[in-house]
Amino acid sequence: MKNSALRVRGVAAKYARREVLADVSFDVGGGTLLGVLGRNGSGKSTLFRCILGLFPYKGQILIGDRDIRSMNSAERARSLAYIPQSHENASAHSVLEIVLMGTVSRLSFWAAPGRREFARAERALEEAGIAHLGERRYDRLSGGEKQLVLIARALAQDAPVLVMDEPCSSLDYGHQIRVLECARDLARKGYLVLLSTHNPDHAFSFVDKVLVLLDGRVRRPAPPVEALDVFTLEKMYGVPLELHTLKNSGVVCTPKLEERSMK
C-alpha cells in the first residue's frame, strides 16, 4: 500500500463571498475509516472537493509528502479515488467493464486495457465482495449493488485514499450495512477511507475516527464516543437527542421524545 497519510493545513474555501471552510487542519493516517459528519451546508462536500483538487482553496493538502497541487491529473488519480453517491448509466456495460474504467489512469492516451488491467479489475471486484456480479449488466443492478461496483471501480485505480461522499444516502438499510462493512474492511487492508454521512449511528457502529464539521470549522479527529457527545450532536442537527449505551458497548442515537400523559 502506497503512503496514504492525509495532512490538511489551514484550508479555507468560499462560494462567492460566503466562507464555507475556515482554517481546517487535521492529520489522518492509512488504515483508518474516517467518518465526516455535519449538517447540510456545513462544508463536507466542499472539503472533499478540495481534497480531490476540484475546488479552489487556501492552505495546503498533502498525500504523504506530496502537495496535491503539485500533482498532474494522472498522479492525482493514482493517489485519490472518488466514490460518488450514484452513477446513472443506462448503457449495457457489464460490471467488469465499469470497473475496468478505473484502470485508465495508468494507461497512455491511446492505449487499450490489457491483461494487467483486466486482472486488476477482477481483483477489485473480489476486494469489494462482488466478484459474482462481474458479467451482470450494470444498469440492471440494485442501488446497493451499484454502489459496491463504484467502490470496486475506485479500487481499480490503485489509489491509497478513497473518498466516499454520502455513499449510503439513497440505499435501503441492508445495503447501507453492506457498503459500510465494505468501507471498514478496506480500511483494515490499509486504505484511508473518508466517508461522509448524516447518520451518527453509522459513525458509532463502523468508523474508527470522526471529523466533526460545525460552522465551517473542524474538531480534531477522535473516536466516535469522544467526538459525538449529546451537546455536539444537538448543535449539529438542531433537535433534542439522547445517546444510549448498549450491552455490547455500542452506542445508538435516538430523538428525545416528549413525555405525554395517557388520557
Protein backbone atom coordinates (compact mmCIF):
# COMPACT_ATOMS: atom_id res chain seq x y z
CA MET A 1 0.00 0.00 0.00
CA LYS A 2 1.36 3.40 -1.01
CA ASN A 3 1.60 6.17 1.58
CA SER A 4 -1.98 7.09 2.38
CA ALA A 5 -1.43 9.64 5.15
CA LEU A 6 -3.51 12.78 4.61
CA ARG A 7 -2.44 16.12 6.03
CA VAL A 8 -4.69 19.17 5.77
CA ARG A 9 -3.20 22.50 6.82
CA GLY A 10 -5.17 25.73 7.26
CA VAL A 11 -7.62 25.08 4.42
CA ALA A 12 -10.19 27.79 3.71
CA ALA A 13 -12.73 27.89 0.89
CA LYS A 14 -15.51 30.22 -0.26
CA TYR A 15 -18.53 30.26 -2.54
CA ALA A 16 -18.63 33.85 -3.81
CA ARG A 17 -18.36 35.79 -0.54
CA ARG A 18 -19.68 33.05 1.75
CA GLU A 19 -16.99 31.29 3.72
CA VAL A 20 -17.64 27.53 3.72
CA LEU A 21 -14.41 26.25 5.29
CA ALA A 22 -12.23 28.24 7.69
CA ASP A 23 -8.74 27.20 8.83
CA VAL A 24 -9.41 23.46 8.56
CA SER A 25 -6.44 21.39 9.78
CA PHE A 26 -6.16 17.70 10.63
CA ASP A 27 -3.99 14.62 10.09
CA VAL A 28 -5.17 11.08 9.49
CA GLY A 29 -3.17 8.01 8.53
CA GLY A 30 -3.76 4.94 6.41
CA GLY A 31 -5.73 2.00 7.73
CA THR A 32 -8.41 4.37 9.06
CA LEU A 33 -12.10 4.76 8.28
CA LEU A 34 -12.71 8.45 8.96
CA GLY A 35 -16.35 9.50 9.25
CA VAL A 36 -17.08 13.14 8.35
CA LEU A 37 -20.25 14.43 10.00
CA GLY A 38 -22.04 17.76 9.71
CA ARG A 39 -25.43 19.22 8.85
CA ASN A 40 -26.34 20.15 5.26
CA GLY A 41 -24.24 23.09 4.13
CA SER A 42 -21.55 22.50 6.77
CA GLY A 43 -18.88 22.01 4.10
CA LYS A 44 -18.49 18.22 3.90
CA SER A 45 -18.72 18.01 0.12
CA THR A 46 -16.63 21.16 -0.29
CA LEU A 47 -13.89 19.66 1.89
CA PHE A 48 -13.93 16.51 -0.23
CA ARG A 49 -13.76 18.55 -3.45
CA CYS A 50 -10.75 20.43 -2.08
CA ILE A 51 -9.01 17.16 -1.16
CA LEU A 52 -9.72 15.86 -4.67
CA GLY A 53 -8.28 19.02 -6.21
CA LEU A 54 -11.62 20.06 -7.72
CA PHE A 55 -12.27 23.29 -5.79
CA PRO A 56 -10.05 26.34 -5.14
CA TYR A 57 -8.81 26.75 -1.59
CA LYS A 58 -6.21 28.45 0.54
CA GLY A 59 -3.89 26.34 2.64
CA GLN A 60 -2.19 23.03 1.94
CA ILE A 61 -3.33 19.43 1.38
CA LEU A 62 -0.76 16.63 1.23
CA ILE A 63 -0.93 12.91 0.49
CA GLY A 64 2.19 11.53 2.11
CA ASP A 65 4.77 14.21 1.36
CA ARG A 66 3.18 15.37 -1.91
CA ASP A 67 1.11 18.52 -2.15
CA ILE A 68 -1.88 17.69 -4.34
CA ARG A 69 -1.37 20.96 -6.21
CA SER A 70 1.96 19.60 -7.47
CA MET A 71 0.30 16.50 -8.98
CA ASN A 72 -0.93 16.20 -12.54
CA SER A 73 -4.31 14.56 -13.15
CA ALA A 74 -2.85 11.06 -13.61
CA GLU A 75 -0.78 11.31 -10.42
CA ARG A 76 -3.80 12.55 -8.52
CA ALA A 77 -5.89 9.63 -9.81
CA ARG A 78 -3.22 7.24 -8.52
CA SER A 79 -3.37 8.88 -5.08
CA LEU A 80 -7.09 9.56 -4.59
CA ALA A 81 -10.20 7.75 -5.78
CA TYR A 82 -13.72 9.18 -5.55
CA ILE A 83 -16.88 7.16 -4.99
CA PRO A 84 -19.97 9.28 -5.78
CA GLN A 85 -23.44 8.84 -4.30
CA SER A 86 -24.71 7.32 -7.53
CA HIS A 87 -23.83 6.86 -11.16
CA GLU A 88 -26.68 6.60 -13.62
CA ASN A 89 -25.60 4.56 -16.61
CA ALA A 90 -28.31 3.41 -18.99
CA SER A 91 -25.97 1.59 -21.35
CA ALA A 92 -25.46 -2.15 -21.41
CA HIS A 93 -21.96 -2.16 -19.92
CA SER A 94 -21.13 -5.16 -17.78
CA VAL A 95 -20.00 -4.70 -14.20
CA LEU A 96 -16.48 -5.79 -15.19
CA GLU A 97 -16.40 -3.13 -17.92
CA ILE A 98 -17.49 -0.43 -15.46
CA VAL A 99 -14.76 -1.45 -13.01
CA LEU A 100 -12.20 -1.64 -15.83
CA MET A 101 -12.75 2.10 -16.36
CA GLY A 102 -10.92 2.66 -13.08
CA THR A 103 -7.66 1.45 -14.60
CA VAL A 104 -7.37 4.17 -17.27
CA SER A 105 -5.12 6.43 -15.14
CA ARG A 106 -2.25 4.00 -15.67
CA LEU A 107 -2.63 3.94 -19.47
CA SER A 108 -1.29 6.28 -22.13
CA PHE A 109 -3.87 8.28 -24.07
CA TRP A 110 -4.37 5.85 -26.98
CA ALA A 111 -3.70 2.60 -25.09
CA ALA A 112 -6.42 0.00 -24.58
CA PRO A 113 -6.77 -2.03 -21.37
CA GLY A 114 -4.70 -5.20 -21.46
CA ARG A 115 -4.23 -8.33 -19.43
CA ARG A 116 -2.84 -6.44 -16.44
CA GLU A 117 -5.81 -4.04 -16.33
CA PHE A 118 -8.35 -6.86 -16.61
CA ALA A 119 -6.60 -8.71 -13.78
CA ARG A 120 -6.69 -5.58 -11.60
CA ALA A 121 -10.40 -5.06 -12.33
CA GLU A 122 -11.18 -8.65 -11.38
CA ARG A 123 -9.17 -8.29 -8.19
CA ALA A 124 -11.06 -5.09 -7.34
CA LEU A 125 -14.36 -6.96 -7.70
CA GLU A 126 -13.08 -9.54 -5.23
CA GLU A 127 -11.93 -6.83 -2.79
CA ALA A 128 -15.40 -5.29 -2.89
CA GLY A 129 -17.00 -8.72 -2.40
CA ILE A 130 -18.91 -8.69 -5.71
CA ALA A 131 -16.89 -10.97 -7.99
CA HIS A 132 -20.13 -12.86 -8.69
CA LEU A 133 -21.57 -9.75 -10.39
CA GLY A 134 -18.81 -9.38 -12.98
CA GLU A 135 -20.86 -10.45 -16.01
CA ARG A 136 -24.10 -8.75 -14.94
CA ARG A 137 -25.34 -5.61 -16.69
CA TYR A 138 -24.68 -2.58 -14.50
CA ASP A 139 -27.99 -0.90 -15.35
CA ARG A 140 -29.92 -3.93 -14.04
CA LEU A 141 -28.39 -3.92 -10.55
CA SER A 142 -29.97 -2.68 -7.35
CA GLY A 143 -28.85 0.64 -5.87
CA GLY A 144 -26.70 -1.07 -3.25
CA GLU A 145 -25.05 -3.34 -5.81
CA LYS A 146 -24.28 -0.31 -7.97
CA GLN A 147 -22.63 1.43 -5.02
CA LEU A 148 -20.38 -1.58 -4.44
CA VAL A 149 -19.48 -1.55 -8.15
CA LEU A 150 -18.45 2.11 -7.83
CA ILE A 151 -16.25 1.16 -4.88
CA ALA A 152 -14.66 -1.59 -6.97
CA ARG A 153 -14.07 0.88 -9.82
CA ALA A 154 -12.28 3.18 -7.37
CA LEU A 155 -10.17 0.27 -6.08
CA ALA A 156 -9.07 -0.47 -9.64
CA GLN A 157 -7.30 2.93 -9.65
CA ASP A 158 -4.84 1.56 -7.05
CA ALA A 159 -5.20 4.79 -5.07
CA PRO A 160 -4.46 4.55 -1.32
CA VAL A 161 -7.06 7.18 -0.37
CA LEU A 162 -10.77 6.54 -1.02
CA VAL A 163 -13.25 9.42 -0.77
CA MET A 164 -16.90 8.41 -0.31
CA ASP A 165 -19.39 11.29 -0.34
CA GLU A 166 -22.55 10.05 1.45
CA PRO A 167 -22.46 6.62 -0.23
CA CYS A 168 -25.47 5.39 1.76
CA SER A 169 -27.81 8.33 1.13
CA SER A 170 -30.14 6.54 -1.30
CA LEU A 171 -29.81 2.96 -0.09
CA ASP A 172 -32.11 0.76 1.95
CA TYR A 173 -30.96 -0.34 5.38
CA GLY A 174 -29.48 -3.67 4.28
CA HIS A 175 -27.36 -2.14 1.53
CA GLN A 176 -26.24 0.65 3.85
CA ILE A 177 -24.79 -2.02 6.14
CA ARG A 178 -23.08 -3.82 3.25
CA VAL A 179 -21.47 -0.62 1.96
CA LEU A 180 -20.31 0.40 5.44
CA GLU A 181 -18.91 -3.07 6.11
CA CYS A 182 -17.04 -2.89 2.80
CA ALA A 183 -15.60 0.53 3.73
CA ARG A 184 -14.49 -0.79 7.13
CA ASP A 185 -12.89 -3.87 5.57
CA LEU A 186 -10.94 -1.70 3.10
CA ALA A 187 -9.59 0.41 5.96
CA ARG A 188 -8.42 -2.80 7.65
CA LYS A 189 -6.46 -3.58 4.47
CA GLY A 190 -4.54 -0.31 4.76
CA TYR A 191 -6.63 2.15 2.76
CA LEU A 192 -7.50 5.55 4.16
CA VAL A 193 -11.27 5.84 3.70
CA LEU A 194 -13.02 9.20 4.08
CA LEU A 195 -16.77 8.73 4.36
CA SER A 196 -19.35 11.47 4.92
CA THR A 197 -22.69 10.65 6.46
CA HIS A 198 -25.66 12.34 8.13
CA ASN A 199 -26.31 9.37 10.39
CA PRO A 200 -24.43 9.35 13.72
CA ASP A 201 -25.27 5.66 14.17
CA HIS A 202 -23.13 4.91 11.11
CA ALA A 203 -20.24 6.55 12.95
CA PHE A 204 -20.86 4.77 16.25
CA SER A 205 -21.10 1.36 14.56
CA PHE A 206 -18.44 1.45 11.85
CA VAL A 207 -15.90 4.26 11.76
CA ASP A 208 -12.57 4.50 13.57
CA LYS A 209 -12.48 8.27 13.96
CA VAL A 210 -14.92 11.13 13.42
CA LEU A 211 -14.24 14.55 11.94
CA VAL A 212 -16.97 16.96 13.05
CA LEU A 213 -17.70 19.95 10.81
CA LEU A 214 -19.50 22.82 12.53
CA ASP A 215 -19.77 26.33 11.07
CA GLY A 216 -17.03 25.64 8.55
CA ARG A 217 -14.53 24.52 11.19
CA VAL A 218 -13.41 21.06 12.26
CA ARG A 219 -12.57 19.38 15.51
CA ARG A 220 -9.57 17.10 15.78
CA PRO A 221 -10.42 13.57 14.56
CA ALA A 222 -11.33 11.39 17.54
CA PRO A 223 -13.09 8.07 18.24
CA PRO A 224 -16.88 8.37 17.85
CA VAL A 225 -17.65 8.13 21.58
CA GLU A 226 -15.30 11.06 22.22
CA ALA A 227 -16.26 13.22 19.24
CA LEU A 228 -20.05 12.78 19.32
CA ASP A 229 -21.49 13.80 22.67
CA VAL A 230 -25.11 14.90 23.02
CA PHE A 231 -24.24 18.61 23.05
CA THR A 232 -22.30 18.35 19.78
CA LEU A 233 -24.99 16.29 18.05
CA GLU A 234 -27.82 18.59 19.14
CA LYS A 235 -25.87 21.62 17.93
CA MET A 236 -25.15 19.86 14.66
CA TYR A 237 -28.69 18.74 13.85
CA GLY A 238 -30.81 21.23 15.80
CA VAL A 239 -33.05 18.67 17.54
CA PRO A 240 -33.02 17.19 21.08
CA LEU A 241 -31.27 13.81 21.12
CA GLU A 242 -30.31 11.01 23.50
CA LEU A 243 -27.39 8.57 23.46
CA HIS A 244 -27.85 5.03 24.73
CA THR A 245 -25.02 2.64 25.62
CA LEU A 246 -25.77 -0.96 24.64
CA LYS A 247 -24.71 -4.14 26.42
CA ASN A 248 -22.04 -4.81 23.79
CA SER A 249 -20.53 -1.35 24.49
CA GLY A 250 -22.05 0.08 21.33
CA VAL A 251 -23.86 3.44 21.27
CA VAL A 252 -27.02 4.48 19.44
CA CYS A 253 -28.51 7.92 18.97
CA THR A 254 -32.27 8.48 19.23
CA PRO A 255 -34.54 11.55 19.28
CA LYS A 256 -35.60 12.75 22.71
CA LEU A 257 -39.37 12.39 22.66
CA GLU A 258 -41.59 14.47 24.88
CA GLU A 259 -43.43 12.52 27.54
CA ARG A 260 -47.18 12.69 27.04
CA SER A 261 -49.67 11.71 29.68
CA MET A 262 -52.09 9.00 28.73
CA LYS A 263 -55.72 10.02 28.77
